[in-house]
């Protein structure tokens, strides 16, 4: 029988999964991978890592949206360009 999971940890992994558009299992693996690299074994440390990854993903998402907006703006000389083949 599987060990019961910490409710806060599962919630944090679920939010991380939603933010990254991945499965909850993938989010848990991502947290476990970072935890193993940092040498964290306790559940409280894993919860902090999950929350940190969630904050980082939200920051990257905002930066990506701003960069995409800048890249999609038409340059004045190309605004009326129609590509003919």
Protein backbone atom coordinates (compact mmCIF):
# COMPACT_ATOMS: atom_id res chain seq x y z
CA UNK A 1 0.00 0.00 0.00
CA UNK A 2 1.32 3.44 -0.92
CA UNK A 3 2.32 5.86 1.81
CA UNK A 4 -0.03 8.81 2.34
CA UNK A 5 1.13 12.05 0.74
CA UNK A 6 1.37 15.43 2.43
CA UNK A 7 -1.65 17.48 1.35
CA UNK A 8 0.35 20.70 0.92
CA UNK A 9 3.01 18.93 -1.16
CA UNK A 10 0.42 17.34 -3.43
CA UNK A 11 -1.32 20.72 -3.86
CA UNK A 12 1.97 22.44 -4.70
CA UNK A 13 2.82 19.72 -7.25
CA UNK A 14 -0.65 20.07 -8.76
CA UNK A 15 -0.25 23.82 -9.15
CA UNK A 16 3.21 23.31 -10.65
CA UNK A 17 1.79 20.77 -13.08
CA UNK A 18 -0.94 23.21 -14.14
CA UNK A 19 1.53 26.06 -14.57
CA UNK A 20 3.85 23.96 -16.73
CA UNK A 21 1.06 22.07 -18.54
CA UNK A 22 2.46 18.70 -17.49
CA UNK A 23 1.08 15.77 -15.51
CA UNK A 24 1.19 15.69 -11.73
CA UNK A 25 3.54 12.71 -11.89
CA UNK A 26 5.93 14.70 -14.09
CA UNK A 27 5.77 17.63 -11.69
CA UNK A 28 6.61 15.32 -8.78
CA UNK A 29 9.53 13.86 -10.74
CA UNK A 30 10.75 17.39 -11.48
CA UNK A 31 10.61 18.26 -7.78
CA UNK A 32 12.31 14.96 -6.86
CA UNK A 33 15.08 15.59 -9.38
CA UNK A 34 15.80 19.07 -8.00
CA UNK A 35 15.59 17.73 -4.44
CA UNK A 36 18.11 15.00 -5.19
CA UNK A 37 20.49 17.48 -6.84
CA UNK A 38 20.26 19.73 -3.77
CA UNK A 39 20.46 16.84 -1.30
CA UNK A 40 17.03 17.49 0.23
CA UNK A 41 15.25 14.45 1.64
CA UNK A 42 12.66 15.74 4.09
CA UNK A 43 9.04 16.45 3.04
CA UNK A 44 9.22 20.08 4.19
CA UNK A 45 12.23 20.67 1.94
CA UNK A 46 10.46 19.09 -1.02
CA UNK A 47 7.45 21.34 -0.39
CA UNK A 48 9.71 24.40 -0.46
CA UNK A 49 11.29 23.21 -3.71
CA UNK A 50 7.86 22.69 -5.30
CA UNK A 51 6.80 26.19 -4.24
CA UNK A 52 10.05 27.68 -5.53
CA UNK A 53 9.68 25.95 -8.90
CA UNK A 54 6.12 27.26 -9.11
CA UNK A 55 7.28 30.83 -8.47
CA UNK A 56 10.06 30.45 -11.04
CA UNK A 57 7.64 29.10 -13.64
CA UNK A 58 5.29 32.02 -13.10
CA UNK A 59 8.15 34.48 -13.55
CA UNK A 60 9.35 32.79 -16.72
CA UNK A 61 5.81 32.75 -18.08
CA UNK A 62 5.44 36.50 -17.63
CA UNK A 63 8.83 37.17 -19.24
CA UNK A 64 7.94 34.89 -22.15
CA UNK A 65 4.66 36.70 -22.73
CA UNK A 66 6.40 40.08 -22.76
CA UNK A 67 9.09 38.81 -25.14
CA UNK A 68 6.47 37.34 -27.47
CA UNK A 69 4.59 40.66 -27.52
CA UNK A 70 7.78 42.49 -28.49
CA UNK A 71 8.62 39.95 -31.20
CA UNK A 72 5.14 40.08 -32.71
CA UNK A 73 5.13 43.84 -33.17
CA UNK A 74 5.52 44.75 -36.83
CA UNK A 75 8.48 46.85 -37.80
CA UNK A 76 7.35 50.06 -39.52
CA UNK A 77 8.97 49.18 -42.86
CA UNK A 78 7.41 45.68 -42.84
CA UNK A 79 3.93 46.62 -41.64
CA UNK A 80 2.33 46.53 -45.11
CA UNK A 81 4.47 43.76 -46.59
CA UNK A 82 2.67 40.99 -48.46
CA UNK A 83 4.74 38.01 -49.39
CA UNK A 84 4.16 36.88 -52.99
CA UNK A 85 5.39 33.55 -54.20
